[in-house]
């Protein structure tokens, strides 16, 4: 009977140790996965917001819209103008137009109204 008790307690010890090892490995290896799926998305969102508020992003977007306005003025066909219009409207859809110079604000508003030919 005492042998069965000893075997039972040894078996419990092995099971507890195995669970402990599995948890340690799971937390160590799987913990990174859990962290990335739960917190990684939020971290990426914050990084994106910071980037979109940075000077380089703002100046780059203004430069791109400026170049697109010149391309729009030089466009030879309605198809080219339509493509440029969609590109400009897509770029400013997530951009604070208060950052744009006045002539580009007017350009974007005219595109939205359909006043440009």
Protein backbone atom coordinates (compact mmCIF):
# COMPACT_ATOMS: atom_id res chain seq x y z
CA UNK A 1 0.00 0.00 0.00
CA UNK A 2 2.81 2.33 0.81
CA UNK A 3 4.30 1.61 -2.63
CA UNK A 4 1.07 2.77 -4.25
CA UNK A 5 1.14 5.93 -2.16
CA UNK A 6 4.73 6.56 -3.18
CA UNK A 7 3.92 5.92 -6.84
CA UNK A 8 0.84 8.17 -6.63
CA UNK A 9 2.76 11.02 -5.06
CA UNK A 10 5.60 10.59 -7.59
CA UNK A 11 3.05 10.66 -10.41
CA UNK A 12 1.49 13.84 -8.99
CA UNK A 13 4.94 15.40 -8.76
CA UNK A 14 5.69 14.49 -12.40
CA UNK A 15 2.36 15.92 -13.57
CA UNK A 16 2.84 19.15 -11.63
CA UNK A 17 6.43 19.52 -12.90
CA UNK A 18 5.30 18.84 -16.49
CA UNK A 19 2.55 21.45 -16.25
CA UNK A 20 5.06 23.91 -14.79
CA UNK A 21 7.49 23.31 -17.64
CA UNK A 22 4.73 23.63 -20.25
CA UNK A 23 3.57 26.91 -18.71
CA UNK A 24 7.10 28.28 -18.63
CA UNK A 25 7.67 27.37 -22.27
CA UNK A 26 4.22 28.66 -23.23
CA UNK A 27 4.76 31.98 -21.52
CA UNK A 28 8.26 32.31 -22.90
CA UNK A 29 7.54 31.27 -26.49
CA UNK A 30 3.83 31.84 -26.80
CA UNK A 31 3.89 34.95 -24.66
CA UNK A 32 5.44 36.95 -27.48
CA UNK A 33 2.63 35.85 -29.79
CA UNK A 34 -0.04 36.78 -27.26
CA UNK A 35 1.67 40.12 -26.61
CA UNK A 36 1.84 40.95 -30.33
CA UNK A 37 -1.77 39.98 -31.01
CA UNK A 38 -3.15 41.88 -28.03
CA UNK A 39 -0.82 44.86 -27.60
CA UNK A 40 1.09 44.89 -30.88
CA UNK A 41 -1.87 46.23 -32.84
CA UNK A 42 -2.32 49.09 -30.39
CA UNK A 43 1.39 49.88 -30.52
CA UNK A 44 1.29 49.95 -34.33
CA UNK A 45 -1.74 52.26 -34.26
CA UNK A 46 0.02 54.67 -31.91
CA UNK A 47 3.15 54.63 -34.07
CA UNK A 48 1.03 55.35 -37.14
CA UNK A 49 -0.69 58.29 -35.43
CA UNK A 50 2.65 59.73 -34.32
CA UNK A 51 4.02 59.34 -37.86
CA UNK A 52 0.97 61.04 -39.40
CA UNK A 53 1.47 64.00 -37.07
CA UNK A 54 5.19 64.28 -37.84
CA UNK A 55 6.62 67.15 -39.87
CA UNK A 56 8.03 64.84 -42.51
CA UNK A 57 4.62 63.24 -43.14
CA UNK A 58 2.85 66.62 -43.27
CA UNK A 59 5.45 68.19 -45.57
CA UNK A 60 5.56 65.08 -47.76
CA UNK A 61 1.79 65.04 -48.15
CA UNK A 62 1.71 68.76 -48.98
CA UNK A 63 4.47 68.25 -51.57
CA UNK A 64 2.59 65.30 -53.10
CA UNK A 65 -0.67 67.22 -53.36
CA UNK A 66 1.21 70.21 -54.82
CA UNK A 67 2.74 67.93 -57.48
CA UNK A 68 -0.64 66.37 -58.19
CA UNK A 69 -2.20 69.82 -58.63
CA UNK A 70 0.47 70.64 -61.23
CA UNK A 71 -0.12 67.28 -62.94
CA UNK A 72 -3.86 68.00 -62.93
CA UNK A 73 -3.29 71.36 -64.65
CA UNK A 74 -1.07 69.69 -67.28
CA UNK A 75 -3.37 66.71 -67.88
CA UNK A 76 -4.49 66.30 -71.48
CA UNK A 77 -7.54 64.09 -71.02
CA UNK A 78 -10.53 63.73 -68.75
CA UNK A 79 -9.31 60.24 -67.84
CA UNK A 80 -6.00 61.60 -66.55
CA UNK A 81 -7.76 64.31 -64.57
CA UNK A 82 -10.20 61.77 -63.09
CA UNK A 83 -7.33 59.56 -61.94
CA UNK A 84 -5.49 62.51 -60.40
CA UNK A 85 -8.70 63.71 -58.76
CA UNK A 86 -9.29 60.31 -57.12
CA UNK A 87 -5.66 60.20 -55.96
CA UNK A 88 -5.83 63.66 -54.41
CA UNK A 89 -9.16 62.99 -52.70
CA UNK A 90 -7.84 59.71 -51.34
CA UNK A 91 -4.68 61.37 -49.98
CA UNK A 92 -6.58 64.15 -48.21
CA UNK A 93 -9.33 61.87 -46.85
CA UNK A 94 -7.19 61.10 -43.79
CA UNK A 95 -5.19 64.31 -43.77
CA UNK A 96 -6.00 67.49 -41.81
CA UNK A 97 -6.59 70.01 -44.60
CA UNK A 98 -5.85 72.83 -42.13
CA UNK A 99 -2.20 71.92 -42.72
CA UNK A 100 -2.50 72.72 -46.45
CA UNK A 101 -1.61 76.10 -47.95
CA UNK A 102 -4.64 78.12 -49.04
CA UNK A 103 -4.20 77.46 -52.78
CA UNK A 104 -4.21 73.69 -52.15
CA UNK A 105 -7.27 73.94 -49.91
CA UNK A 106 -9.04 75.72 -52.78
CA UNK A 107 -7.80 73.06 -55.23
CA UNK A 108 -9.11 70.22 -53.04
CA UNK A 109 -12.46 71.94 -52.43
CA UNK A 110 -12.88 72.55 -56.17
CA UNK A 111 -12.13 68.88 -56.84
CA UNK A 112 -14.72 67.83 -54.28
CA UNK A 113 -17.34 70.13 -55.80
CA UNK A 114 -16.43 69.14 -59.34
CA UNK A 115 -15.67 72.75 -60.28
CA UNK A 116 -12.37 71.99 -62.05
CA UNK A 117 -12.18 70.94 -65.69
